[in-house]
């Protein structure tokens, strides 16, 4: 398989702090590639560079042959890249359906979010049908008319993912999607991510601390520490790497 996404020698500094130091990573098309490391290692900075929330001082980021750093932030989703956030950014007074419909604005031709009760155009009917497919896939259909702020934390995390999926991305960036989830919710997320990768061909980059999920779904893992890559390889290689055990996994590596 070929690399559809690559980061080359990216460095980011915030004042005197080096968040990323000549960081490089290749991601194969259709794969699930995990990015792990201690808090403050630079993982979210990688996502913020890709999303154009942060400007590297040097380096290249390319997706599907296009320079990501040449794009403004509002064009990233049109390039086929969507993301979730470590801290949930949901519109709490919108329903689950309305939230996913907002995510469809980059995907459905001639579609703008509609007022409840208004007459439905063909584009709006197509948008609702597409949204319902995503709700069914993510297990949110029973909560279709529920306000986002009334969902429990696990379903809010799933709604964040559903909104990202609404953009029909080729590259999906997931920032700690399993944080705070219960075991059964992690198991559901495990199956969903594998389905997105294997059946739908979506390339996924996963930042996550829940090693149960990482080791189950990722085909390749990159490890960051203090802004530098310290290891990269398959789950078995990473689990046994002394540098990773010392910096991050500790005794959990053999659990």
Protein backbone atom coordinates (compact mmCIF):
# COMPACT_ATOMS: atom_id res chain seq x y z
CA UNK A 1 0.00 0.00 0.00
CA UNK A 2 1.15 3.56 -0.69
CA UNK A 3 1.44 6.46 1.74
CA UNK A 4 -1.47 8.82 1.19
CA UNK A 5 -0.41 11.19 3.95
CA UNK A 6 3.07 12.31 4.99
CA UNK A 7 4.68 14.72 7.41
CA UNK A 8 8.30 15.68 6.75
CA UNK A 9 10.65 17.41 9.20
CA UNK A 10 7.93 19.50 10.84
CA UNK A 11 9.08 21.74 13.68
CA UNK A 12 6.87 23.92 15.88
CA UNK A 13 7.96 26.26 18.64
CA UNK A 14 5.84 28.22 21.09
CA UNK A 15 8.18 30.86 22.48
CA UNK A 16 11.05 28.94 24.01
CA UNK A 17 9.16 25.62 23.98
CA UNK A 18 9.80 23.13 21.17
CA UNK A 19 6.48 21.32 20.63
CA UNK A 20 7.69 19.34 17.59
CA UNK A 21 11.28 18.84 16.51
CA UNK A 22 11.84 17.66 12.90
CA UNK A 23 8.92 15.25 13.16
CA UNK A 24 8.20 12.92 10.22
CA UNK A 25 5.52 10.26 9.68
CA UNK A 26 4.02 8.37 6.73
CA UNK A 27 0.48 6.96 6.81
CA UNK A 28 -0.65 4.25 4.38
CA UNK A 29 -3.95 4.64 2.59
CA UNK A 30 -6.84 2.86 4.31
CA UNK A 31 -4.82 2.11 7.44
CA UNK A 32 -5.31 2.99 11.12
CA UNK A 33 -2.12 4.69 12.30
CA UNK A 34 -1.85 5.52 16.01
CA UNK A 35 0.12 8.43 17.42
CA UNK A 36 0.87 7.91 21.11
CA UNK A 37 3.01 9.37 23.86
CA UNK A 38 2.85 11.13 27.22
CA UNK A 39 0.79 14.26 27.79
CA UNK A 40 2.62 17.22 26.29
CA UNK A 41 4.53 15.06 23.80
CA UNK A 42 3.23 17.05 20.81
CA UNK A 43 0.44 14.82 19.53
CA UNK A 44 -2.31 17.43 19.42
CA UNK A 45 0.16 19.89 17.89
CA UNK A 46 0.51 17.46 14.98
CA UNK A 47 -3.27 17.54 14.50
CA UNK A 48 -3.37 21.32 14.83
CA UNK A 49 -0.74 21.67 12.11
CA UNK A 50 -2.74 19.41 9.79
CA UNK A 51 -5.95 21.33 10.58
CA UNK A 52 -4.11 24.64 9.97
CA UNK A 53 -4.76 25.88 13.51
CA UNK A 54 -1.00 26.00 13.93
CA UNK A 55 1.74 27.04 11.47
CA UNK A 56 5.00 25.05 11.53
CA UNK A 57 8.16 27.07 11.31
CA UNK A 58 9.51 24.51 8.87
CA UNK A 59 8.63 21.20 7.25
CA UNK A 60 6.05 19.77 4.83
CA UNK A 61 2.64 18.11 5.23
CA UNK A 62 1.10 16.44 2.18
CA UNK A 63 -2.17 14.61 1.67
CA UNK A 64 -3.08 12.85 -1.58
CA UNK A 65 -0.32 14.70 -3.40
CA UNK A 66 -1.40 18.14 -2.18
CA UNK A 67 0.42 20.43 0.23
CA UNK A 68 -1.78 20.87 3.29
CA UNK A 69 0.22 23.90 4.41
CA UNK A 70 -0.86 25.76 1.26
CA UNK A 71 -4.51 25.53 2.31
CA UNK A 72 -6.40 27.89 4.65
CA UNK A 73 -8.09 26.24 7.63
CA UNK A 74 -11.60 26.50 6.14
CA UNK A 75 -10.51 24.52 3.05
CA UNK A 76 -9.11 21.52 4.92
CA UNK A 77 -12.45 19.70 5.06
CA UNK A 78 -12.92 20.18 1.29
CA UNK A 79 -9.55 18.50 0.77
CA UNK A 80 -10.97 15.36 2.42
CA UNK A 81 -9.69 15.79 5.98
CA UNK A 82 -11.91 15.82 9.09
CA UNK A 83 -11.13 15.62 12.79
CA UNK A 84 -12.53 15.24 16.27
CA UNK A 85 -11.31 17.13 19.32
CA UNK A 86 -9.90 16.11 22.68
CA UNK A 87 -12.17 18.67 24.32
CA UNK A 88 -15.70 18.34 23.00
CA UNK A 89 -16.88 21.32 20.96
CA UNK A 90 -20.58 20.55 20.50
CA UNK A 91 -23.46 22.95 20.00
CA UNK A 92 -25.37 21.88 23.07
CA UNK A 93 -28.74 23.36 22.02
CA UNK A 94 -28.79 21.56 18.66
CA UNK A 95 -30.23 18.09 18.28
CA UNK A 96 -28.13 15.10 17.30
CA UNK A 97 -29.61 15.20 13.79
CA UNK A 98 -28.98 18.93 13.40
CA UNK A 99 -25.38 18.51 14.55
CA UNK A 100 -24.68 15.89 11.89
CA UNK A 101 -26.46 18.00 9.27
CA UNK A 102 -24.04 20.84 10.04
CA UNK A 103 -21.22 18.43 9.20
CA UNK A 104 -22.79 17.77 5.81
CA UNK A 105 -22.44 21.34 4.53
CA UNK A 106 -19.20 20.53 2.70
CA UNK A 107 -20.60 17.37 1.11
CA UNK A 108 -24.17 17.87 -0.19
CA UNK A 109 -24.55 20.03 -3.29
CA UNK A 110 -26.55 23.23 -2.85
CA UNK A 111 -27.28 22.40 0.76
CA UNK A 112 -27.44 24.82 3.67
CA UNK A 113 -28.81 23.89 7.13
CA UNK A 114 -32.55 24.45 7.21
CA UNK A 115 -34.95 25.84 9.78
CA UNK A 116 -37.05 23.22 11.59
CA UNK A 117 -40.51 22.98 10.09
CA UNK A 118 -39.55 24.56 6.77
CA UNK A 119 -40.47 22.93 3.48
CA UNK A 120 -37.85 20.37 2.45
CA UNK A 121 -35.92 20.84 -0.77
CA UNK A 122 -34.42 17.89 -2.63
CA UNK A 123 -30.97 18.77 -1.20
CA UNK A 124 -32.36 18.88 2.33
CA UNK A 125 -34.06 15.51 1.96
CA UNK A 126 -30.79 14.04 0.66
CA UNK A 127 -28.95 15.57 3.61
CA UNK A 128 -31.37 14.05 6.15
CA UNK A 129 -31.05 10.64 4.51
CA UNK A 130 -27.24 10.86 4.61
CA UNK A 131 -27.33 12.01 8.24
CA UNK A 132 -29.59 9.14 9.24
CA UNK A 133 -27.16 6.65 7.70
CA UNK A 134 -24.39 8.07 9.87
CA UNK A 135 -26.58 8.02 12.98
CA UNK A 136 -27.37 4.36 12.38
CA UNK A 137 -23.72 3.53 11.84
CA UNK A 138 -22.61 5.27 15.04
CA UNK A 139 -25.46 3.97 17.22
CA UNK A 140 -27.02 7.40 17.66
CA UNK A 141 -30.34 6.85 15.87
CA UNK A 142 -32.28 6.45 19.17
CA UNK A 143 -31.05 9.93 20.14
CA UNK A 144 -31.86 11.60 16.81
CA UNK A 145 -34.05 14.32 18.37
CA UNK A 146 -32.07 14.67 21.61
CA UNK A 147 -30.17 17.88 22.29
CA UNK A 148 -26.40 17.38 22.20
CA UNK A 149 -26.07 18.84 25.69
CA UNK A 150 -28.47 16.23 27.08
CA UNK A 151 -26.44 13.23 25.93
CA UNK A 152 -24.18 11.38 28.33
CA UNK A 153 -20.44 11.79 27.79
CA UNK A 154 -19.99 8.61 25.76
CA UNK A 155 -22.71 9.54 23.29
CA UNK A 156 -21.33 13.08 23.03
CA UNK A 157 -17.98 11.60 22.01
CA UNK A 158 -19.75 9.50 19.40
CA UNK A 159 -21.63 12.56 18.15
CA UNK A 160 -18.32 14.37 17.66
CA UNK A 161 -17.19 11.44 15.52
CA UNK A 162 -20.50 11.35 13.62
CA UNK A 163 -20.18 15.04 12.77
CA UNK A 164 -16.68 14.41 11.39
CA UNK A 165 -17.92 11.44 9.34
CA UNK A 166 -20.63 13.64 7.82
CA UNK A 167 -17.92 15.40 5.80
CA UNK A 168 -17.15 12.04 4.14
CA UNK A 169 -13.41 12.32 4.81
CA UNK A 170 -10.66 10.32 3.19
CA UNK A 171 -8.44 11.12 6.18
CA UNK A 172 -9.98 11.10 9.67
CA UNK A 173 -8.04 12.53 12.62
CA UNK A 174 -9.30 11.26 15.98
CA UNK A 175 -8.05 13.02 19.12
CA UNK A 176 -8.60 10.69 22.11
CA UNK A 177 -11.99 9.29 21.01
CA UNK A 178 -11.98 6.67 23.79
CA UNK A 179 -11.14 9.02 26.66
CA UNK A 180 -13.72 8.58 29.42
CA UNK A 181 -15.59 5.76 27.69
CA UNK A 182 -16.77 2.60 29.41
CA UNK A 183 -15.53 -0.81 28.29
CA UNK A 184 -18.60 -1.62 26.19
CA UNK A 185 -18.34 1.78 24.49
CA UNK A 186 -14.67 1.17 23.72
CA UNK A 187 -15.58 -2.20 22.21
CA UNK A 188 -18.18 -0.53 19.99
CA UNK A 189 -15.64 2.12 18.94
CA UNK A 190 -13.11 -0.62 18.17
CA UNK A 191 -15.52 -2.32 15.76
CA UNK A 192 -16.58 0.98 14.20
CA UNK A 193 -13.02 2.12 13.48
CA UNK A 194 -12.11 -1.20 11.89
CA UNK A 195 -15.24 -0.99 9.74
CA UNK A 196 -14.43 2.56 8.63
CA UNK A 197 -10.93 1.48 7.67
CA UNK A 198 -11.53 -1.94 6.13
CA UNK A 199 -14.96 -1.56 4.52
CA UNK A 200 -15.07 2.15 3.74
CA UNK A 201 -11.37 2.69 3.06
CA UNK A 202 -11.05 5.72 5.35
CA UNK A 203 -7.49 6.43 6.48
CA UNK A 204 -7.43 7.07 10.24
CA UNK A 205 -4.80 8.74 12.41
CA UNK A 206 -5.60 8.02 16.05
CA UNK A 207 -4.25 9.90 19.07
CA UNK A 208 -5.17 7.81 22.09
CA UNK A 209 -4.08 6.84 25.61
CA UNK A 210 -6.35 3.78 25.86
CA UNK A 211 -3.84 1.12 24.87
CA UNK A 212 -6.54 -1.56 24.69
CA UNK A 213 -7.95 0.27 21.67
CA UNK A 214 -4.61 1.26 20.12
CA UNK A 215 -3.17 -2.24 20.19
CA UNK A 216 -6.40 -3.71 18.81
CA UNK A 217 -7.01 -1.46 15.81
CA UNK A 218 -3.71 0.14 14.76
CA UNK A 219 -1.56 -1.51 12.12
CA UNK A 220 1.26 0.96 12.79
CA UNK A 221 2.13 3.13 15.78
CA UNK A 222 4.31 6.23 16.03
CA UNK A 223 5.53 7.28 19.48
CA UNK A 224 6.28 10.90 20.40
CA UNK A 225 8.11 12.17 23.47
CA UNK A 226 9.04 15.81 24.07
CA UNK A 227 8.24 16.63 20.43
CA UNK A 228 10.47 13.94 18.94
CA UNK A 229 9.69 10.57 17.42
CA UNK A 230 11.29 7.89 19.58
CA UNK A 231 9.83 4.76 17.97
CA UNK A 232 7.64 3.50 15.15
CA UNK A 233 6.38 0.06 14.17
CA UNK A 234 3.64 -2.50 14.60
CA UNK A 235 1.85 -3.06 17.93
CA UNK A 236 4.11 -5.98 18.89
CA UNK A 237 7.25 -3.94 18.22
CA UNK A 238 6.02 -0.93 20.17
CA UNK A 239 4.80 -2.99 23.13
CA UNK A 240 8.30 -4.40 23.62
CA UNK A 241 10.39 -1.32 22.77
CA UNK A 242 12.48 -0.34 25.84
CA UNK A 243 12.40 3.36 24.88
CA UNK A 244 8.62 3.36 24.74
CA UNK A 245 8.27 1.40 27.97
CA UNK A 246 10.52 3.86 29.78
CA UNK A 247 8.93 7.01 28.34
CA UNK A 248 5.28 6.01 28.25
CA UNK A 249 3.95 2.48 28.61
CA UNK A 250 5.73 1.44 31.79
CA UNK A 251 4.48 -1.78 33.34
CA UNK A 252 1.28 -1.53 31.24
CA UNK A 253 3.27 -2.77 28.26
CA UNK A 254 3.17 -6.29 29.63
CA UNK A 255 -0.37 -6.14 30.99
